[in-house]
Amino acid sequence: MGLGGTLKVYIKTSAKDSLGLHELKQHKPWFDEECSGLLHQRKQAKMQWVQDQSQSNVDNLNNVRHFRNKKKAYLKAEIEEVETNSKIKNIRDLYRGISDFKKG
């Protein structure tokens, strides 16, 4: 690592020590307690798969990924709302919905 790289590390470390670390949390309205439980089950299934890569553990790992369906359903509902606002010429909510998609 050259002088520039070292200086960059020192600046980042100093800034982190003096200002603290601010972590941005992503807001996922579709992610609820059910998804949290499924995520925990997926972690457990993955640990079992790492220890024993049998077909039953692979199937178990694949079956726990159902919270993706919840995200797809949420996005589909949001898209339908944007389409409805477009059809009824509700411009304010239409642009608000488009803006939310661009952010997320």
PDB file of N, CA and C in Angstrom:
ATOM      1  N   MET A   1       0.865  -1.163   0.000  1.00  0.00           N
ATOM      2  CA  MET A   1       0.000   0.000   0.000  1.00  0.00           C
ATOM      3  C   MET A   1       0.908   1.221   0.000  1.00  0.00           C
ATOM      4  N   GLY A   2       0.643   2.133  -0.918  1.00  0.00           N
ATOM      5  CA  GLY A   2       1.448   3.337  -1.033  1.00  0.00           C
ATOM      6  C   GLY A   2       1.056   4.376  -0.004  1.00  0.00           C
ATOM      7  N   LEU A   3       1.693   5.523  -0.091  1.00  0.00           N
ATOM      8  CA  LEU A   3       1.441   6.620   0.840  1.00  0.00           C
ATOM      9  C   LEU A   3      -0.005   7.089   0.753  1.00  0.00           C
ATOM     10  N   GLY A   4      -0.552   7.181  -0.463  1.00  0.00           N
ATOM     11  CA  GLY A   4      -1.942   7.609  -0.644  1.00  0.00           C
ATOM     12  C   GLY A   4      -2.919   6.654   0.011  1.00  0.00           C
ATOM     13  N   GLY A   5      -2.676   5.357  -0.124  1.00  0.00           N
ATOM     14  CA  GLY A   5      -3.544   4.356   0.478  1.00  0.00           C
ATOM     15  C   GLY A   5      -3.491   4.390   1.994  1.00  0.00           C
ATOM     16  N   THR A   6      -2.284   4.574   2.536  1.00  0.00           N
ATOM     17  CA  THR A   6      -2.111   4.651   3.982  1.00  0.00           C
ATOM     18  C   THR A   6      -2.792   5.895   4.533  1.00  0.00           C
ATOM     19  N   LEU A   7      -2.633   7.016   3.842  1.00  0.00           N
ATOM     20  CA  LEU A   7      -3.248   8.266   4.266  1.00  0.00           C
ATOM     21  C   LEU A   7      -4.772   8.128   4.266  1.00  0.00           C
ATOM     22  N   LYS A   8      -5.298   7.478   3.264  1.00  0.00           N
ATOM     23  CA  LYS A   8      -6.738   7.268   3.163  1.00  0.00           C
ATOM     24  C   LYS A   8      -7.253   6.451   4.349  1.00  0.00           C
ATOM     25  N   VAL A   9      -6.517   5.400   4.722  1.00  0.00           N
ATOM     26  CA  VAL A   9      -6.905   4.563   5.864  1.00  0.00           C
ATOM     27  C   VAL A   9      -6.873   5.379   7.151  1.00  0.00           C
ATOM     28  N   TYR A  10      -5.832   6.205   7.339  1.00  0.00           N
ATOM     29  CA  TYR A  10      -5.733   7.037   8.539  1.00  0.00           C
ATOM     30  C   TYR A  10      -6.878   8.037   8.615  1.00  0.00           C
ATOM     31  N   ILE A  11      -7.238   8.639   7.504  1.00  0.00           N
ATOM     32  CA  ILE A  11      -8.328   9.617   7.497  1.00  0.00           C
ATOM     33  C   ILE A  11      -9.646   8.931   7.838  1.00  0.00           C
ATOM     34  N   LYS A  12      -9.900   7.768   7.230  1.00  0.00           N
ATOM     35  CA  LYS A  12     -11.144   7.043   7.510  1.00  0.00           C
ATOM     36  C   LYS A  12     -11.212   6.610   8.972  1.00  0.00           C
ATOM     37  N   THR A  13     -10.093   6.115   9.495  1.00  0.00           N
ATOM     38  CA  THR A  13     -10.053   5.668  10.884  1.00  0.00           C
ATOM     39  C   THR A  13     -10.280   6.839  11.829  1.00  0.00           C
ATOM     40  N   SER A  14      -9.625   7.955  11.562  1.00  0.00           N
ATOM     41  CA  SER A  14      -9.775   9.142  12.396  1.00  0.00           C
ATOM     42  C   SER A  14     -11.202   9.670  12.358  1.00  0.00           C
ATOM     43  N   ALA A  15     -11.790   9.722  11.173  1.00  0.00           N
ATOM     44  CA  ALA A  15     -13.162  10.198  11.043  1.00  0.00           C
ATOM     45  C   ALA A  15     -14.128   9.277  11.775  1.00  0.00           C
ATOM     46  N   LYS A  16     -13.908   7.966  11.665  1.00  0.00           N
ATOM     47  CA  LYS A  16     -14.772   7.001  12.338  1.00  0.00           C
ATOM     48  C   LYS A  16     -14.664   7.142  13.847  1.00  0.00           C
ATOM     49  N   ASP A  17     -13.425   7.346  14.351  1.00  0.00           N
ATOM     50  CA  ASP A  17     -13.231   7.489  15.792  1.00  0.00           C
ATOM     51  C   ASP A  17     -13.852   8.774  16.329  1.00  0.00           C
ATOM     52  N   SER A  18     -13.721   9.872  15.589  1.00  0.00           N
ATOM     53  CA  SER A  18     -14.212  11.142  16.104  1.00  0.00           C
ATOM     54  C   SER A  18     -15.703  11.348  15.843  1.00  0.00           C
ATOM     55  N   LEU A  19     -16.208  10.879  14.708  1.00  0.00           N
ATOM     56  CA  LEU A  19     -17.607  11.116  14.362  1.00  0.00           C
ATOM     57  C   LEU A  19     -18.509   9.938  14.667  1.00  0.00           C
ATOM     58  N   GLY A  20     -17.949   8.781  14.770  1.00  0.00           N
ATOM     59  CA  GLY A  20     -18.746   7.578  14.973  1.00  0.00           C
ATOM     60  C   GLY A  20     -19.145   6.981  13.638  1.00  0.00           C
ATOM     61  N   LEU A  21     -19.650   5.789  13.687  1.00  0.00           N
ATOM     62  CA  LEU A  21     -20.041   5.076  12.481  1.00  0.00           C
ATOM     63  C   LEU A  21     -21.551   5.147  12.344  1.00  0.00           C
ATOM     64  N   HIS A  22     -22.000   5.632  11.212  1.00  0.00           N
ATOM     65  CA  HIS A  22     -23.436   5.747  10.954  1.00  0.00           C
ATOM     66  C   HIS A  22     -23.811   4.731   9.893  1.00  0.00           C
ATOM     67  N   GLU A  23     -24.620   3.776  10.291  1.00  0.00           N
ATOM     68  CA  GLU A  23     -25.059   2.756   9.356  1.00  0.00           C
ATOM     69  C   GLU A  23     -26.466   3.089   8.884  1.00  0.00           C
ATOM     70  N   LEU A  24     -26.639   3.124   7.579  1.00  0.00           N
ATOM     71  CA  LEU A  24     -27.954   3.360   7.014  1.00  0.00           C
ATOM     72  C   LEU A  24     -28.733   2.054   7.002  1.00  0.00           C
ATOM     73  N   LYS A  25     -29.953   2.115   7.480  1.00  0.00           N
ATOM     74  CA  LYS A  25     -30.810   0.939   7.450  1.00  0.00           C
ATOM     75  C   LYS A  25     -31.779   1.097   6.300  1.00  0.00           C
ATOM     76  N   GLN A  26     -31.895   0.055   5.530  1.00  0.00           N
ATOM     77  CA  GLN A  26     -32.831   0.089   4.423  1.00  0.00           C
ATOM     78  C   GLN A  26     -34.220  -0.258   4.933  1.00  0.00           C
ATOM     79  N   HIS A  27     -35.177   0.529   4.513  1.00  0.00           N
ATOM     80  CA  HIS A  27     -36.558   0.286   4.897  1.00  0.00           C
ATOM     81  C   HIS A  27     -37.196  -0.662   3.887  1.00  0.00           C
ATOM     82  N   LYS A  28     -37.581  -1.802   4.366  1.00  0.00           N
ATOM     83  CA  LYS A  28     -38.226  -2.799   3.507  1.00  0.00           C
ATOM     84  C   LYS A  28     -39.602  -3.085   4.097  1.00  0.00           C
ATOM     85  N   PRO A  29     -40.624  -2.406   3.587  1.00  0.00           N
ATOM     86  CA  PRO A  29     -41.949  -2.574   4.195  1.00  0.00           C
ATOM     87  C   PRO A  29     -42.509  -3.984   4.100  1.00  0.00           C
ATOM     88  N   TRP A  30     -42.051  -4.774   3.165  1.00  0.00           N
ATOM     89  CA  TRP A  30     -42.558  -6.141   3.013  1.00  0.00           C
ATOM     90  C   TRP A  30     -41.902  -7.108   3.981  1.00  0.00           C
ATOM     91  N   PHE A  31     -40.775  -6.716   4.608  1.00  0.00           N
ATOM     92  CA  PHE A  31     -40.024  -7.611   5.485  1.00  0.00           C
ATOM     93  C   PHE A  31     -40.607  -7.526   6.888  1.00  0.00           C
ATOM     94  N   ASP A  32     -41.260  -8.586   7.343  1.00  0.00           N
ATOM     95  CA  ASP A  32     -41.911  -8.589   8.644  1.00  0.00           C
ATOM     96  C   ASP A  32     -41.344  -9.713   9.523  1.00  0.00           C
ATOM     97  N   GLU A  33     -42.032  -9.992  10.608  1.00  0.00           N
ATOM     98  CA  GLU A  33     -41.573 -11.027  11.541  1.00  0.00           C
ATOM     99  C   GLU A  33     -41.528 -12.407  10.892  1.00  0.00           C
ATOM    100  N   GLU A  34     -42.479 -12.673  10.023  1.00  0.00           N
ATOM    101  CA  GLU A  34     -42.487 -13.961   9.324  1.00  0.00           C
ATOM    102  C   GLU A  34     -41.219 -14.111   8.483  1.00  0.00           C
ATOM    103  N   CYS A  35     -40.842 -13.052   7.788  1.00  0.00           N
ATOM    104  CA  CYS A  35     -39.624 -13.085   6.968  1.00  0.00           C
ATOM    105  C   CYS A  35     -38.387 -13.240   7.848  1.00  0.00           C
ATOM    106  N   SER A  36     -38.402 -12.588   8.994  1.00  0.00           N
ATOM    107  CA  SER A  36     -37.274 -12.704   9.917  1.00  0.00           C
ATOM    108  C   SER A  36     -37.106 -14.143  10.390  1.00  0.00           C
ATOM    109  N   GLY A  37     -38.224 -14.794  10.701  1.00  0.00           N
ATOM    110  CA  GLY A  37     -38.177 -16.203  11.107  1.00  0.00           C
ATOM    111  C   GLY A  37     -37.682 -17.095   9.985  1.00  0.00           C
ATOM    112  N   LEU A  38     -38.150 -16.829   8.761  1.00  0.00           N
ATOM    113  CA  LEU A  38     -37.694 -17.614   7.614  1.00  0.00           C
ATOM    114  C   LEU A  38     -36.205 -17.406   7.355  1.00  0.00           C
ATOM    115  N   LEU A  39     -35.738 -16.183   7.563  1.00  0.00           N
ATOM    116  CA  LEU A  39     -34.317 -15.912   7.383  1.00  0.00           C
ATOM    117  C   LEU A  39     -33.485 -16.692   8.401  1.00  0.00           C
ATOM    118  N   HIS A  40     -33.980 -16.763   9.637  1.00  0.00           N
ATOM    119  CA  HIS A  40     -33.293 -17.554  10.664  1.00  0.00           C
ATOM    120  C   HIS A  40     -33.278 -19.037  10.284  1.00  0.00           C
ATOM    121  N   GLN A  41     -34.416 -19.541   9.788  1.00  0.00           N
ATOM    122  CA  GLN A  41     -34.479 -20.942   9.356  1.00  0.00           C
ATOM    123  C   GLN A  41     -33.517 -21.201   8.199  1.00  0.00           C
ATOM    124  N   ARG A  42     -33.393 -20.223   7.307  1.00  0.00           N
ATOM    125  CA  ARG A  42     -32.486 -20.374   6.167  1.00  0.00           C
ATOM    126  C   ARG A  42     -31.034 -20.450   6.636  1.00  0.00           C
ATOM    127  N   LYS A  43     -30.686 -19.627   7.629  1.00  0.00           N
ATOM    128  CA  LYS A  43     -29.322 -19.681   8.167  1.00  0.00           C
ATOM    129  C   LYS A  43     -29.039 -21.043   8.788  1.00  0.00           C
ATOM    130  N   GLN A  44     -30.024 -21.582   9.512  1.00  0.00           N
ATOM    131  CA  GLN A  44     -29.863 -22.903  10.121  1.00  0.00           C
ATOM    132  C   GLN A  44     -29.721 -23.973   9.041  1.00  0.00           C
ATOM    133  N   ALA A  45     -30.545 -23.878   7.998  1.00  0.00           N
ATOM    134  CA  ALA A  45     -30.478 -24.859   6.912  1.00  0.00           C
ATOM    135  C   ALA A  45     -29.136 -24.776   6.190  1.00  0.00           C
ATOM    136  N   LYS A  46     -28.615 -23.569   6.047  1.00  0.00           N
ATOM    137  CA  LYS A  46     -27.328 -23.412   5.368  1.00  0.00           C
ATOM    138  C   LYS A  46     -26.203 -24.019   6.210  1.00  0.00           C
ATOM    139  N   MET A  47     -26.270 -23.839   7.539  1.00  0.00           N
ATOM    140  CA  MET A  47     -25.249 -24.439   8.403  1.00  0.00           C
ATOM    141  C   MET A  47     -25.305 -25.959   8.323  1.00  0.00           C
ATOM    142  N   GLN A  48     -26.512 -26.531   8.247  1.00  0.00           N
ATOM    143  CA  GLN A  48     -26.646 -27.982   8.089  1.00  0.00           C
ATOM    144  C   GLN A  48     -26.076 -28.430   6.755  1.00  0.00           C
ATOM    145  N   TRP A  49     -26.330 -27.642   5.705  1.00  0.00           N
ATOM    146  CA  TRP A  49     -25.828 -27.979   4.375  1.00  0.00           C
ATOM    147  C   TRP A  49     -24.309 -27.915   4.337  1.00  0.00           C
ATOM    148  N   VAL A  50     -23.704 -26.938   5.043  1.00  0.00           N
ATOM    149  CA  VAL A  50     -22.251 -26.824   5.073  1.00  0.00           C
ATOM    150  C   VAL A  50     -21.645 -28.056   5.736  1.00  0.00           C
ATOM    151  N   GLN A  51     -22.289 -28.558   6.786  1.00  0.00           N
ATOM    152  CA  GLN A  51     -21.773 -29.734   7.492  1.00  0.00           C
ATOM    153  C   GLN A  51     -21.993 -31.018   6.697  1.00  0.00           C
ATOM    154  N   ASP A  52     -23.122 -31.103   5.995  1.00  0.00           N
ATOM    155  CA  ASP A  52     -23.447 -32.309   5.238  1.00  0.00           C
ATOM    156  C   ASP A  52     -24.174 -31.892   3.964  1.00  0.00           C
ATOM    157  N   GLN A  53     -23.518 -32.034   2.821  1.00  0.00           N
ATOM    158  CA  GLN A  53     -24.070 -31.552   1.556  1.00  0.00           C
ATOM    159  C   GLN A  53     -24.906 -32.625   0.857  1.00  0.00           C
ATOM    160  N   SER A  54     -25.735 -33.304   1.639  1.00  0.00           N
ATOM    161  CA  SER A  54     -26.612 -34.323   1.061  1.00  0.00           C
ATOM    162  C   SER A  54     -27.770 -33.652   0.325  1.00  0.00           C
ATOM    163  N   GLN A  55     -28.447 -34.410  -0.509  1.00  0.00           N
ATOM    164  CA  GLN A  55     -29.556 -33.861  -1.299  1.00  0.00           C
ATOM    165  C   GLN A  55     -30.693 -33.377  -0.409  1.00  0.00           C
ATOM    166  N   SER A  56     -30.950 -34.051   0.709  1.00  0.00           N
ATOM    167  CA  SER A  56     -32.034 -33.615   1.600  1.00  0.00           C
ATOM    168  C   SER A  56     -31.724 -32.249   2.208  1.00  0.00           C
ATOM    169  N   ASN A  57     -30.457 -31.991   2.533  1.00  0.00           N
ATOM    170  CA  ASN A  57     -30.084 -30.679   3.062  1.00  0.00           C
ATOM    171  C   ASN A  57     -30.134 -29.604   1.979  1.00  0.00           C
ATOM    172  N   VAL A  58     -29.825 -29.969   0.742  1.00  0.00           N
ATOM    173  CA  VAL A  58     -29.939 -29.024  -0.375  1.00  0.00           C
ATOM    174  C   VAL A  58     -31.407 -28.669  -0.582  1.00  0.00           C
ATOM    175  N   ASP A  59     -32.284 -29.670  -0.558  1.00  0.00           N
ATOM    176  CA  ASP A  59     -33.721 -29.422  -0.716  1.00  0.00           C
ATOM    177  C   ASP A  59     -34.260 -28.568   0.427  1.00  0.00           C
ATOM    178  N   ASN A  60     -33.807 -28.844   1.638  1.00  0.00           N
ATOM    179  CA  ASN A  60     -34.236 -28.070   2.798  1.00  0.00           C
ATOM    180  C   ASN A  60     -33.814 -26.612   2.644  1.00  0.00           C
ATOM    181  N   LEU A  61     -32.603 -26.378   2.185  1.00  0.00           N
ATOM    182  CA  LEU A  61     -32.105 -25.010   1.979  1.00  0.00           C
ATOM    183  C   LEU A  61     -32.925 -24.292   0.917  1.00  0.00           C
ATOM    184  N   ASN A  62     -33.265 -24.968  -0.157  1.00  0.00           N
ATOM    185  CA  ASN A  62     -34.045 -24.349  -1.227  1.00  0.00           C
ATOM    186  C   ASN A  62     -35.485 -24.060  -0.812  1.00  0.00           C
ATOM    187  N   ASN A  63     -36.047 -24.862   0.070  1.00  0.00           N
ATOM    188  CA  ASN A  63     -37.437 -24.675   0.496  1.00  0.00           C
ATOM    189  C   ASN A  63     -37.617 -23.499   1.449  1.00  0.00           C
ATOM    190  N   VAL A  64     -36.569 -23.014   2.068  1.00  0.00           N
ATOM    191  CA  VAL A  64     -36.689 -21.959   3.068  1.00  0.00           C
ATOM    192  C   VAL A  64     -36.644 -20.567   2.441  1.00  0.00           C
ATOM    193  N   ARG A  65     -36.475 -20.450   1.164  1.00  0.00           N
ATOM    194  CA  ARG A  65     -36.310 -19.145   0.520  1.00  0.00           C
ATOM    195  C   ARG A  65     -37.631 -18.484   0.125  1.00  0.00           C
ATOM    196  N   HIS A  66     -38.708 -18.790   0.811  1.00  0.00           N
ATOM    197  CA  HIS A  66     -40.027 -18.329   0.385  1.00  0.00           C
ATOM    198  C   HIS A  66     -40.284 -16.851   0.639  1.00  0.00           C
ATOM    199  N   PHE A  67     -39.450 -16.157   1.444  1.00  0.00           N
ATOM    200  CA  PHE A  67     -39.738 -14.752   1.696  1.00  0.00           C
ATOM    201  C   PHE A  67     -39.511 -13.891   0.456  1.00  0.00           C
ATOM    202  N   ARG A  68     -38.855 -14.451  -0.551  1.00  0.00           N
ATOM    203  CA  ARG A  68     -38.732 -13.733  -1.827  1.00  0.00           C
ATOM    204  C   ARG A  68     -40.104 -13.546  -2.462  1.00  0.00           C
ATOM    205  N   ASN A  69     -40.997 -14.510  -2.273  1.00  0.00           N
ATOM    206  CA  ASN A  69     -42.345 -14.400  -2.824  1.00  0.00           C
ATOM    207  C   ASN A  69     -43.090 -13.218  -2.208  1.00  0.00           C
ATOM    208  N   LYS A  70     -42.850 -12.962  -0.931  1.00  0.00           N
ATOM    209  CA  LYS A  70     -43.498 -11.840  -0.273  1.00  0.00           C
ATOM    210  C   LYS A  70     -43.030 -10.527  -0.891  1.00  0.00           C
ATOM    211  N   LYS A  71     -41.748 -10.417  -1.199  1.00  0.00           N
ATOM    212  CA  LYS A  71     -41.221  -9.214  -1.839  1.00  0.00           C
ATOM    213  C   LYS A  71     -41.839  -9.038  -3.224  1.00  0.00           C
ATOM    214  N   LYS A  72     -41.931 -10.128  -3.982  1.00  0.00           N
ATOM    215  CA  LYS A  72     -42.526 -10.049  -5.324  1.00  0.00           C
ATOM    216  C   LYS A  72     -43.981  -9.601  -5.246  1.00  0.00           C
ATOM    217  N   ALA A  73     -44.729 -10.117  -4.279  1.00  0.00           N
ATOM    218  CA  ALA A  73     -46.133  -9.738  -4.128  1.00  0.00           C
ATOM    219  C   ALA A  73     -46.258  -8.257  -3.773  1.00  0.00           C
ATOM    220  N   TYR A  74     -45.379  -7.778  -2.901  1.00  0.00           N
ATOM    221  CA  TYR A  74     -45.399  -6.362  -2.523  1.00  0.00           C
ATOM    222  C   TYR A  74     -45.102  -5.483  -3.729  1.00  0.00           C
ATOM    223  N   LEU A  75     -44.070  -5.841  -4.500  1.00  0.00           N
ATOM    224  CA  LEU A  75     -43.716  -5.046  -5.675  1.00  0.00           C
ATOM    225  C   LEU A  75     -44.826  -5.075  -6.725  1.00  0.00           C
ATOM    226  N   LYS A  76     -45.479  -6.220  -6.883  1.00  0.00           N
ATOM    227  CA  LYS A  76     -46.577  -6.317  -7.833  1.00  0.00           C
ATOM    228  C   LYS A  76     -47.714  -5.385  -7.434  1.00  0.00           C
ATOM    229  N   ALA A  77     -48.037  -5.332  -6.144  1.00  0.00           N
ATOM    230  CA  ALA A  77     -49.090  -4.442  -5.665  1.00  0.00           C
ATOM    231  C   ALA A  77     -48.712  -2.974  -5.890  1.00  0.00           C
ATOM    232  N   GLU A  78     -47.443  -2.646  -5.669  1.00  0.00           N
ATOM    233  CA  GLU A  78     -46.983  -1.269  -5.894  1.00  0.00           C
ATOM    234  C   GLU A  78     -47.083  -0.897  -7.372  1.00  0.00           C
ATOM    235  N   ILE A  79     -46.710  -1.810  -8.239  1.00  0.00           N
ATOM    236  CA  ILE A  79     -46.788  -1.558  -9.682  1.00  0.00           C
ATOM    237  C   ILE A  79     -48.246  -1.372 -10.108  1.00  0.00           C
ATOM    238  N   GLU A  80     -49.127  -2.197  -9.571  1.00  0.00           N
ATOM    239  CA  GLU A  80     -50.547  -2.063  -9.898  1.00  0.00           C
ATOM    240  C   GLU A  80     -51.091  -0.717  -9.436  1.00  0.00           C
ATOM    241  N   GLU A  81     -50.618  -0.238  -8.279  1.00  0.00           N
ATOM    242  CA  GLU A  81     -51.053   1.070  -7.782  1.00  0.00           C
ATOM    243  C   GLU A  81     -50.574   2.190  -8.709  1.00  0.00           C
ATOM    244  N   VAL A  82     -49.332   2.099  -9.184  1.00  0.00           N
ATOM    245  CA  VAL A  82     -48.807   3.088 -10.122  1.00  0.00           C
ATOM    246  C   VAL A  82     -49.618   3.059 -11.417  1.00  0.00           C
ATOM    247  N   GLU A  83     -49.946   1.867 -11.900  1.00  0.00           N
ATOM    248  CA  GLU A  83     -50.754   1.749 -13.119  1.00  0.00           C
ATOM    249  C   GLU A  83     -52.137   2.372 -12.932  1.00  0.00           C
ATOM    250  N   THR A  84     -52.738   2.119 -11.785  1.00  0.00           N
ATOM    251  CA  THR A  84     -54.055   2.688 -11.500  1.00  0.00           C
ATOM    252  C   THR A  84     -53.991   4.206 -11.475  1.00  0.00           C
ATOM    253  N   ASN A  85     -52.970   4.760 -10.822  1.00  0.00           N
ATOM    254  CA  ASN A  85     -52.811   6.208 -10.778  1.00  0.00           C
ATOM    255  C   ASN A  85     -52.593   6.781 -12.168  1.00  0.00           C
ATOM    256  N   SER A  86     -51.939   6.029 -13.012  1.00  0.00           N
ATOM    257  CA  SER A  86     -51.731   6.477 -14.390  1.00  0.00           C
ATOM    258  C   SER A  86     -53.058   6.506 -15.151  1.00  0.00           C
ATOM    259  N   LYS A  87     -53.869   5.473 -14.959  1.00  0.00           N
ATOM    260  CA  LYS A  87     -55.142   5.385 -15.680  1.00  0.00           C
ATOM    261  C   LYS A  87     -56.137   6.454 -15.247  1.00  0.00           C
ATOM    262  N   ILE A  88     -56.162   6.764 -13.952  1.00  0.00           N
ATOM    263  CA  ILE A  88     -57.118   7.761 -13.468  1.00  0.00           C
ATOM    264  C   ILE A  88     -56.515   9.161 -13.451  1.00  0.00           C
ATOM    265  N   LYS A  89     -55.327   9.279 -13.994  1.00  0.00           N
ATOM    266  CA  LYS A  89     -54.641  10.564 -14.125  1.00  0.00           C
ATOM    267  C   LYS A  89     -54.407  11.255 -12.782  1.00  0.00           C
ATOM    268  N   ASN A  90     -54.052  10.454 -11.784  1.00  0.00           N
ATOM    269  CA  ASN A  90     -53.667  10.976 -10.475  1.00  0.00           C
ATOM    270  C   ASN A  90     -52.159  11.218 -10.533  1.00  0.00           C
ATOM    271  N   ILE A  91     -51.773  12.350 -11.079  1.00  0.00           N
ATOM    272  CA  ILE A  91     -50.383  12.628 -11.422  1.00  0.00           C
ATOM    273  C   ILE A  91     -49.484  12.674 -10.191  1.00  0.00           C
ATOM    274  N   ARG A  92     -49.934  13.305  -9.120  1.00  0.00           N
ATOM    275  CA  ARG A  92     -49.099  13.431  -7.919  1.00  0.00           C
ATOM    276  C   ARG A  92     -48.697  12.056  -7.384  1.00  0.00           C
ATOM    277  N   ASP A  93     -49.667  11.168  -7.194  1.00  0.00           N
ATOM    278  CA  ASP A  93     -49.363   9.831  -6.681  1.00  0.00           C
ATOM    279  C   ASP A  93     -48.611   8.989  -7.702  1.00  0.00           C
ATOM    280  N   LEU A  94     -48.868   9.231  -8.986  1.00  0.00           N
ATOM    281  CA  LEU A  94     -48.132   8.522 -10.033  1.00  0.00           C
ATOM    282  C   LEU A  94     -46.645   8.833  -9.937  1.00  0.00           C
ATOM    283  N   TYR A  95     -46.297  10.124  -9.874  1.00  0.00           N
ATOM    284  CA  TYR A  95     -44.891  10.499  -9.786  1.00  0.00           C
ATOM    285  C   TYR A  95     -44.267  10.096  -8.447  1.00  0.00           C
ATOM    286  N   ARG A  96     -45.064  10.117  -7.397  1.00  0.00           N
ATOM    287  CA  ARG A  96     -44.557   9.679  -6.094  1.00  0.00           C
ATOM    288  C   ARG A  96     -44.203   8.189  -6.145  1.00  0.00           C
ATOM    289  N   GLY A  97     -45.053   7.389  -6.766  1.00  0.00           N
ATOM    290  CA  GLY A  97     -44.790   5.953  -6.906  1.00  0.00           C
ATOM    291  C   GLY A  97     -43.582   5.684  -7.771  1.00  0.00           C
ATOM    292  N   ILE A  98     -43.458   6.421  -8.879  1.00  0.00           N
ATOM    293  CA  ILE A  98     -42.286   6.257  -9.747  1.00  0.00           C
ATOM    294  C   ILE A  98     -41.020   6.645  -9.002  1.00  0.00           C
ATOM    295  N   SER A  99     -41.095   7.718  -8.230  1.00  0.00           N
ATOM    296  CA  SER A  99     -39.934   8.162  -7.455  1.00  0.00           C
ATOM    297  C   SER A  99     -39.508   7.111  -6.432  1.00  0.00           C
ATOM    298  N   ASP A 100     -40.487   6.475  -5.790  1.00  0.00           N
ATOM    299  CA  ASP A 100     -40.175   5.417  -4.812  1.00  0.00           C
ATOM    300  C   ASP A 100     -39.470   4.260  -5.470  1.00  0.00           C
ATOM    301  N   PHE A 101     -39.876   3.894  -6.686  1.00  0.00           N
ATOM    302  CA  PHE A 101     -39.207   2.806  -7.404  1.00  0.00           C
ATOM    303  C   PHE A 101     -37.787   3.187  -7.788  1.00  0.00           C
ATOM    304  N   LYS A 102     -37.583   4.428  -8.159  1.00  0.00           N
ATOM    305  CA  LYS A 102     -36.238   4.866  -8.537  1.00  0.00           C
ATOM    306  C   LYS A 102     -35.307   4.850  -7.336  1.00  0.00           C
ATOM    307  N   LYS A 103     -35.835   5.175  -6.154  1.00  0.00           N
ATOM    308  CA  LYS A 103     -35.014   5.164  -4.929  1.00  0.00           C
ATOM    309  C   LYS A 103     -34.671   3.745  -4.523  1.00  0.00           C
ATOM    310  N   GLY A 104     -35.661   2.846  -4.616  1.00  0.00           N
ATOM    311  CA  GLY A 104     -35.477   1.506  -4.088  1.00  0.00           C
ATOM    312  C   GLY A 104     -35.005   0.532  -5.087  1.00  0.00           C
TER     313      GLY A 104
END
